[in-house]
């Protein structure tokens, strides 16, 4: 039973790590079009980025070049669609915003990733 619970937690953490680079697509011809598939992107993010988005919120640690490489190639809209409120309890979304920005693929201010609202970009 403990093994099943551990595996379930790891799956949720995996999906949460996918939020590292999450931002919605703006057009079908988006410059940030995905180059891989969502499941592989998720596995790559787990392997390379999970340490940079874990709670607590501070300190924020600059991600590795390997993590940034994964973020640059990730299928962002797909990964973002997998972020649930439960996932958001497993990773620090503020760190997700920091890591994505550090890797030069920032989340669009005012957008949503799952139920998380990216700070900034509020309408008047």
N, C-alpha and C. Protein backbone atom coordinates (compact mmCIF):
# COMPACT_ATOMS: atom_id res chain seq x y z
N UNK A 1 0.83 -1.20 0.00
CA UNK A 1 0.00 0.00 0.00
C UNK A 1 0.88 1.26 0.00
N UNK A 2 1.95 1.25 0.78
CA UNK A 2 2.84 2.41 0.84
C UNK A 2 3.49 2.65 -0.51
N UNK A 3 3.81 1.58 -1.23
CA UNK A 3 4.43 1.71 -2.56
C UNK A 3 3.46 2.37 -3.52
N UNK A 4 2.18 1.97 -3.47
CA UNK A 4 1.18 2.58 -4.35
C UNK A 4 1.00 4.06 -4.04
N UNK A 5 0.99 4.40 -2.76
CA UNK A 5 0.86 5.80 -2.36
C UNK A 5 2.07 6.59 -2.83
N UNK A 6 3.25 6.03 -2.66
CA UNK A 6 4.47 6.69 -3.12
C UNK A 6 4.42 6.92 -4.63
N UNK A 7 4.03 5.90 -5.39
CA UNK A 7 3.95 6.05 -6.84
C UNK A 7 2.91 7.10 -7.24
N UNK A 8 1.78 7.12 -6.55
CA UNK A 8 0.76 8.13 -6.84
C UNK A 8 1.30 9.53 -6.57
N UNK A 9 2.02 9.69 -5.47
CA UNK A 9 2.62 11.00 -5.16
C UNK A 9 3.65 11.39 -6.21
N UNK A 10 4.43 10.43 -6.66
CA UNK A 10 5.44 10.73 -7.68
C UNK A 10 4.79 11.15 -9.00
N UNK A 11 3.68 10.51 -9.35
CA UNK A 11 2.97 10.90 -10.57
C UNK A 11 2.47 12.33 -10.45
N UNK A 12 1.87 12.65 -9.30
CA UNK A 12 1.40 14.02 -9.09
C UNK A 12 2.55 15.02 -9.11
N UNK A 13 3.66 14.67 -8.50
CA UNK A 13 4.82 15.55 -8.51
C UNK A 13 5.32 15.72 -9.94
N UNK A 14 5.28 14.66 -10.70
CA UNK A 14 5.72 14.72 -12.09
C UNK A 14 4.90 15.73 -12.88
N UNK A 15 3.60 15.65 -12.71
CA UNK A 15 2.73 16.59 -13.42
C UNK A 15 2.99 18.01 -12.93
N UNK A 16 3.23 18.14 -11.64
CA UNK A 16 3.48 19.46 -11.09
C UNK A 16 4.75 20.07 -11.68
N UNK A 17 5.76 19.28 -11.82
CA UNK A 17 7.01 19.78 -12.37
C UNK A 17 6.80 20.29 -13.78
N UNK A 18 5.84 19.72 -14.45
CA UNK A 18 5.54 20.16 -15.81
C UNK A 18 5.15 21.63 -15.85
N UNK A 19 4.65 22.14 -14.75
CA UNK A 19 4.26 23.53 -14.69
C UNK A 19 5.43 24.48 -14.76
N UNK A 20 6.62 23.98 -14.60
CA UNK A 20 7.81 24.83 -14.63
C UNK A 20 7.80 25.76 -15.81
N UNK A 21 7.40 25.25 -16.94
CA UNK A 21 7.46 26.06 -18.14
C UNK A 21 6.09 26.41 -18.67
N UNK A 22 5.10 26.25 -17.85
CA UNK A 22 3.74 26.35 -18.36
C UNK A 22 3.30 27.77 -18.65
N UNK A 23 2.74 27.94 -19.81
CA UNK A 23 2.02 29.15 -20.19
C UNK A 23 1.16 28.77 -21.38
N UNK A 24 0.00 29.37 -21.51
CA UNK A 24 -0.88 29.00 -22.61
C UNK A 24 -0.35 29.49 -23.95
N UNK A 25 -0.68 28.77 -25.00
CA UNK A 25 -0.31 29.19 -26.35
C UNK A 25 -1.13 30.42 -26.72
N UNK A 26 -0.53 31.32 -27.50
CA UNK A 26 -1.25 32.53 -27.88
C UNK A 26 -1.86 32.43 -29.27
N UNK A 27 -1.26 31.64 -30.13
CA UNK A 27 -1.81 31.42 -31.46
C UNK A 27 -1.43 30.02 -31.90
N UNK A 28 -2.04 29.56 -32.97
CA UNK A 28 -1.69 28.24 -33.48
C UNK A 28 -0.33 28.27 -34.16
N UNK A 29 0.15 29.43 -34.53
CA UNK A 29 1.47 29.56 -35.15
C UNK A 29 2.46 30.14 -34.16
N UNK A 30 2.26 29.82 -32.91
CA UNK A 30 3.07 30.35 -31.83
C UNK A 30 4.55 30.06 -32.07
N UNK A 31 5.37 31.03 -31.79
CA UNK A 31 6.81 30.88 -31.93
C UNK A 31 7.31 29.78 -31.00
N UNK A 32 6.64 29.57 -29.88
CA UNK A 32 7.05 28.57 -28.91
C UNK A 32 6.38 27.23 -29.15
N UNK A 33 6.14 26.89 -30.39
CA UNK A 33 5.49 25.62 -30.72
C UNK A 33 6.28 24.47 -30.12
N UNK A 34 5.59 23.45 -29.59
CA UNK A 34 6.27 22.34 -28.96
C UNK A 34 7.09 21.52 -29.95
N UNK A 35 8.17 20.95 -29.45
CA UNK A 35 9.00 20.12 -30.30
C UNK A 35 8.94 18.66 -29.88
N UNK A 36 8.34 18.36 -28.74
CA UNK A 36 8.27 16.99 -28.27
C UNK A 36 6.85 16.63 -27.88
N UNK A 37 6.71 15.43 -27.29
CA UNK A 37 5.39 15.07 -26.82
C UNK A 37 5.29 15.33 -25.32
N UNK A 38 4.08 15.48 -24.86
CA UNK A 38 3.83 15.90 -23.49
C UNK A 38 4.38 14.90 -22.47
N UNK A 39 4.18 13.61 -22.70
CA UNK A 39 4.66 12.61 -21.74
C UNK A 39 6.18 12.62 -21.62
N UNK A 40 6.86 12.75 -22.74
CA UNK A 40 8.33 12.80 -22.69
C UNK A 40 8.80 14.09 -22.03
N UNK A 41 8.14 15.21 -22.34
CA UNK A 41 8.48 16.47 -21.70
C UNK A 41 8.35 16.35 -20.18
N UNK A 42 7.29 15.71 -19.74
CA UNK A 42 7.04 15.52 -18.32
C UNK A 42 8.17 14.73 -17.68
N UNK A 43 8.58 13.64 -18.30
CA UNK A 43 9.67 12.83 -17.77
C UNK A 43 10.98 13.62 -17.72
N UNK A 44 11.24 14.39 -18.77
CA UNK A 44 12.46 15.21 -18.81
C UNK A 44 12.46 16.28 -17.72
N UNK A 45 11.29 16.87 -17.47
CA UNK A 45 11.19 17.88 -16.41
C UNK A 45 11.42 17.27 -15.04
N UNK A 46 10.87 16.08 -14.83
CA UNK A 46 11.08 15.40 -13.55
C UNK A 46 12.57 15.17 -13.33
N UNK A 47 13.22 14.67 -14.36
CA UNK A 47 14.64 14.32 -14.25
C UNK A 47 15.53 15.54 -14.05
N UNK A 48 15.15 16.68 -14.63
CA UNK A 48 16.06 17.83 -14.66
C UNK A 48 15.65 19.04 -13.85
N UNK A 49 14.38 19.16 -13.48
CA UNK A 49 13.92 20.43 -12.90
C UNK A 49 13.25 20.35 -11.53
N UNK A 50 12.90 19.17 -11.07
CA UNK A 50 12.07 19.12 -9.87
C UNK A 50 12.71 19.77 -8.64
N UNK A 51 14.02 19.72 -8.51
CA UNK A 51 14.66 20.32 -7.34
C UNK A 51 14.52 21.83 -7.28
N UNK A 52 14.25 22.46 -8.40
CA UNK A 52 14.19 23.93 -8.46
C UNK A 52 12.79 24.49 -8.19
N UNK A 53 11.78 23.63 -8.11
CA UNK A 53 10.41 24.13 -7.92
C UNK A 53 9.74 23.57 -6.66
N UNK A 54 10.49 22.89 -5.83
CA UNK A 54 9.94 22.34 -4.60
C UNK A 54 9.74 23.43 -3.55
N UNK A 55 8.76 23.22 -2.66
CA UNK A 55 8.60 24.07 -1.49
C UNK A 55 9.80 23.85 -0.59
N UNK A 56 10.20 24.82 0.22
CA UNK A 56 9.57 26.11 0.47
C UNK A 56 9.83 27.12 -0.65
N UNK A 57 9.09 28.22 -0.59
CA UNK A 57 9.17 29.23 -1.64
C UNK A 57 10.55 29.89 -1.73
N UNK A 58 11.26 29.94 -0.63
CA UNK A 58 12.59 30.53 -0.63
C UNK A 58 13.57 29.54 -0.01
N UNK A 59 14.78 29.48 -0.48
CA UNK A 59 15.36 30.35 -1.50
C UNK A 59 15.02 29.85 -2.91
N UNK A 60 15.05 30.78 -3.83
CA UNK A 60 14.90 30.44 -5.24
C UNK A 60 16.30 30.18 -5.79
N UNK A 61 16.48 29.02 -6.38
CA UNK A 61 17.80 28.59 -6.86
C UNK A 61 17.81 28.62 -8.38
N UNK A 62 18.80 29.25 -8.99
CA UNK A 62 18.88 29.24 -10.45
C UNK A 62 18.94 27.81 -10.97
N UNK A 63 18.11 27.48 -11.96
CA UNK A 63 18.08 26.12 -12.49
C UNK A 63 19.32 25.81 -13.32
N UNK A 64 19.56 24.53 -13.52
CA UNK A 64 20.69 24.08 -14.33
C UNK A 64 20.44 24.35 -15.80
N UNK A 65 21.50 24.30 -16.59
CA UNK A 65 21.34 24.46 -18.03
C UNK A 65 20.53 23.30 -18.61
N UNK A 66 20.64 22.12 -18.01
CA UNK A 66 19.84 20.97 -18.47
C UNK A 66 18.35 21.23 -18.26
N UNK A 67 18.00 21.78 -17.12
CA UNK A 67 16.60 22.12 -16.84
C UNK A 67 16.11 23.15 -17.85
N UNK A 68 16.88 24.19 -18.06
CA UNK A 68 16.47 25.22 -19.02
C UNK A 68 16.32 24.65 -20.43
N UNK A 69 17.19 23.72 -20.80
CA UNK A 69 17.06 23.10 -22.11
C UNK A 69 15.75 22.36 -22.27
N UNK A 70 15.33 21.67 -21.22
CA UNK A 70 14.05 20.96 -21.25
C UNK A 70 12.91 21.96 -21.38
N UNK A 71 12.98 23.04 -20.62
CA UNK A 71 11.93 24.06 -20.65
C UNK A 71 11.81 24.67 -22.04
N UNK A 72 12.93 24.91 -22.68
CA UNK A 72 12.92 25.51 -24.02
C UNK A 72 12.22 24.62 -25.04
N UNK A 73 12.26 23.31 -24.86
CA UNK A 73 11.68 22.38 -25.83
C UNK A 73 10.29 21.86 -25.45
N UNK A 74 9.81 22.20 -24.28
CA UNK A 74 8.59 21.60 -23.73
C UNK A 74 7.31 22.03 -24.46
N UNK A 75 6.34 21.13 -24.46
CA UNK A 75 5.00 21.39 -24.98
C UNK A 75 4.22 22.08 -23.86
N UNK A 76 4.35 23.38 -23.80
CA UNK A 76 3.82 24.17 -22.69
C UNK A 76 2.30 24.05 -22.53
N UNK A 77 1.51 24.24 -23.57
CA UNK A 77 0.05 24.15 -23.38
C UNK A 77 -0.38 22.79 -22.83
N UNK A 78 0.23 21.73 -23.29
CA UNK A 78 -0.13 20.40 -22.80
C UNK A 78 0.24 20.25 -21.34
N UNK A 79 1.45 20.64 -20.99
CA UNK A 79 1.89 20.51 -19.60
C UNK A 79 1.03 21.35 -18.67
N UNK A 80 0.71 22.53 -19.09
CA UNK A 80 -0.09 23.42 -18.26
C UNK A 80 -1.49 22.84 -18.02
N UNK A 81 -2.01 22.15 -19.01
CA UNK A 81 -3.35 21.57 -18.86
C UNK A 81 -3.39 20.48 -17.79
N UNK A 82 -2.26 19.98 -17.38
CA UNK A 82 -2.19 18.92 -16.37
C UNK A 82 -2.03 19.45 -14.95
N UNK A 83 -1.90 20.75 -14.79
CA UNK A 83 -1.70 21.32 -13.46
C UNK A 83 -3.04 21.47 -12.76
N UNK A 84 -3.19 20.75 -11.66
CA UNK A 84 -4.43 20.78 -10.87
C UNK A 84 -4.14 21.45 -9.53
N UNK A 85 -5.18 21.80 -8.78
CA UNK A 85 -4.93 22.34 -7.43
C UNK A 85 -4.12 21.38 -6.56
N UNK A 86 -4.31 20.09 -6.73
CA UNK A 86 -3.52 19.12 -5.97
C UNK A 86 -2.05 19.21 -6.34
N UNK A 87 -1.78 19.32 -7.63
CA UNK A 87 -0.40 19.46 -8.09
C UNK A 87 0.22 20.72 -7.48
N UNK A 88 -0.57 21.77 -7.40
CA UNK A 88 -0.06 23.04 -6.87
C UNK A 88 0.27 22.96 -5.39
N UNK A 89 -0.20 21.93 -4.70
CA UNK A 89 0.21 21.75 -3.30
C UNK A 89 1.55 21.05 -3.20
N UNK A 90 2.01 20.48 -4.30
CA UNK A 90 3.26 19.73 -4.30
C UNK A 90 4.45 20.54 -4.78
N UNK A 91 4.20 21.57 -5.55
CA UNK A 91 5.28 22.43 -6.03
C UNK A 91 4.93 23.88 -5.75
N UNK A 92 5.94 24.70 -5.72
CA UNK A 92 5.76 26.12 -5.46
C UNK A 92 5.61 26.84 -6.81
N UNK A 93 4.42 27.30 -7.10
CA UNK A 93 4.17 27.95 -8.39
C UNK A 93 4.96 29.25 -8.52
N UNK A 94 5.26 29.91 -7.42
CA UNK A 94 6.12 31.10 -7.50
C UNK A 94 7.51 30.72 -8.02
N UNK A 95 8.00 29.55 -7.59
CA UNK A 95 9.28 29.07 -8.10
C UNK A 95 9.17 28.66 -9.57
N UNK A 96 8.03 28.14 -9.95
CA UNK A 96 7.80 27.78 -11.36
C UNK A 96 7.95 29.04 -12.22
N UNK A 97 7.32 30.13 -11.78
CA UNK A 97 7.41 31.40 -12.50
C UNK A 97 8.87 31.86 -12.58
N UNK A 98 9.57 31.77 -11.46
CA UNK A 98 10.98 32.17 -11.42
C UNK A 98 11.84 31.34 -12.38
N UNK A 99 11.68 30.02 -12.33
CA UNK A 99 12.50 29.14 -13.16
C UNK A 99 12.20 29.36 -14.64
N UNK A 100 10.93 29.47 -14.99
CA UNK A 100 10.58 29.71 -16.39
C UNK A 100 11.19 31.01 -16.89
N UNK A 101 11.12 32.04 -16.07
CA UNK A 101 11.69 33.33 -16.45
C UNK A 101 13.21 33.24 -16.56
N UNK A 102 13.85 32.59 -15.62
CA UNK A 102 15.30 32.43 -15.64
C UNK A 102 15.75 31.73 -16.93
N UNK A 103 14.94 30.78 -17.37
CA UNK A 103 15.25 29.99 -18.57
C UNK A 103 14.81 30.70 -19.86
N UNK A 104 14.43 31.94 -19.73
CA UNK A 104 14.05 32.78 -20.87
C UNK A 104 12.82 32.27 -21.62
N UNK A 105 11.90 31.68 -20.85
CA UNK A 105 10.61 31.29 -21.39
C UNK A 105 9.55 31.61 -20.33
N UNK A 106 9.41 32.93 -20.04
CA UNK A 106 8.54 33.33 -18.92
C UNK A 106 7.07 33.03 -19.18
N UNK A 107 6.38 32.79 -18.09
CA UNK A 107 4.93 32.64 -18.17
C UNK A 107 4.34 34.02 -18.41
N UNK A 108 3.34 34.10 -19.25
CA UNK A 108 2.73 35.37 -19.60
C UNK A 108 1.97 35.94 -18.40
N UNK A 109 2.33 37.16 -17.96
CA UNK A 109 1.61 37.78 -16.84
C UNK A 109 0.10 37.84 -17.12
N UNK A 110 -0.67 37.48 -16.12
CA UNK A 110 -2.12 37.49 -16.25
C UNK A 110 -2.70 36.19 -16.79
N UNK A 111 -1.84 35.28 -17.25
CA UNK A 111 -2.33 34.01 -17.77
C UNK A 111 -2.54 33.03 -16.62
N UNK A 112 -3.12 31.89 -16.94
CA UNK A 112 -3.33 30.84 -15.96
C UNK A 112 -2.59 29.58 -16.38
N UNK A 113 -2.11 28.87 -15.39
CA UNK A 113 -1.55 27.55 -15.59
C UNK A 113 -2.29 26.66 -14.61
N UNK A 114 -3.19 25.83 -15.12
CA UNK A 114 -4.09 25.13 -14.22
C UNK A 114 -4.94 26.20 -13.54
N UNK A 115 -5.03 26.14 -12.21
CA UNK A 115 -5.79 27.17 -11.49
C UNK A 115 -4.89 28.30 -11.00
N UNK A 116 -3.60 28.19 -11.24
CA UNK A 116 -2.66 29.23 -10.80
C UNK A 116 -2.71 30.42 -11.74
N UNK A 117 -2.86 31.60 -11.17
CA UNK A 117 -2.89 32.85 -11.94
C UNK A 117 -1.50 33.48 -11.87
N UNK A 118 -0.87 33.64 -13.04
CA UNK A 118 0.47 34.22 -13.10
C UNK A 118 0.36 35.70 -12.75
N UNK A 119 1.13 36.17 -11.76
CA UNK A 119 1.04 37.57 -11.33
C UNK A 119 1.31 38.57 -12.46
N UNK A 120 0.65 39.72 -12.35
CA UNK A 120 0.83 40.81 -13.33
C UNK A 120 -0.21 40.76 -14.42
N UNK A 121 -0.16 41.73 -15.29
CA UNK A 121 -1.04 41.76 -16.45
C UNK A 121 -2.51 41.92 -16.16
N UNK A 122 -2.85 42.54 -15.03
CA UNK A 122 -4.26 42.70 -14.70
C UNK A 122 -4.92 43.73 -15.61
N UNK A 123 -6.19 43.49 -15.85
CA UNK A 123 -6.95 44.42 -16.70
C UNK A 123 -7.46 45.59 -15.89
N UNK A 124 -7.56 46.76 -16.49
CA UNK A 124 -8.06 47.93 -15.73
C UNK A 124 -9.52 47.78 -15.37
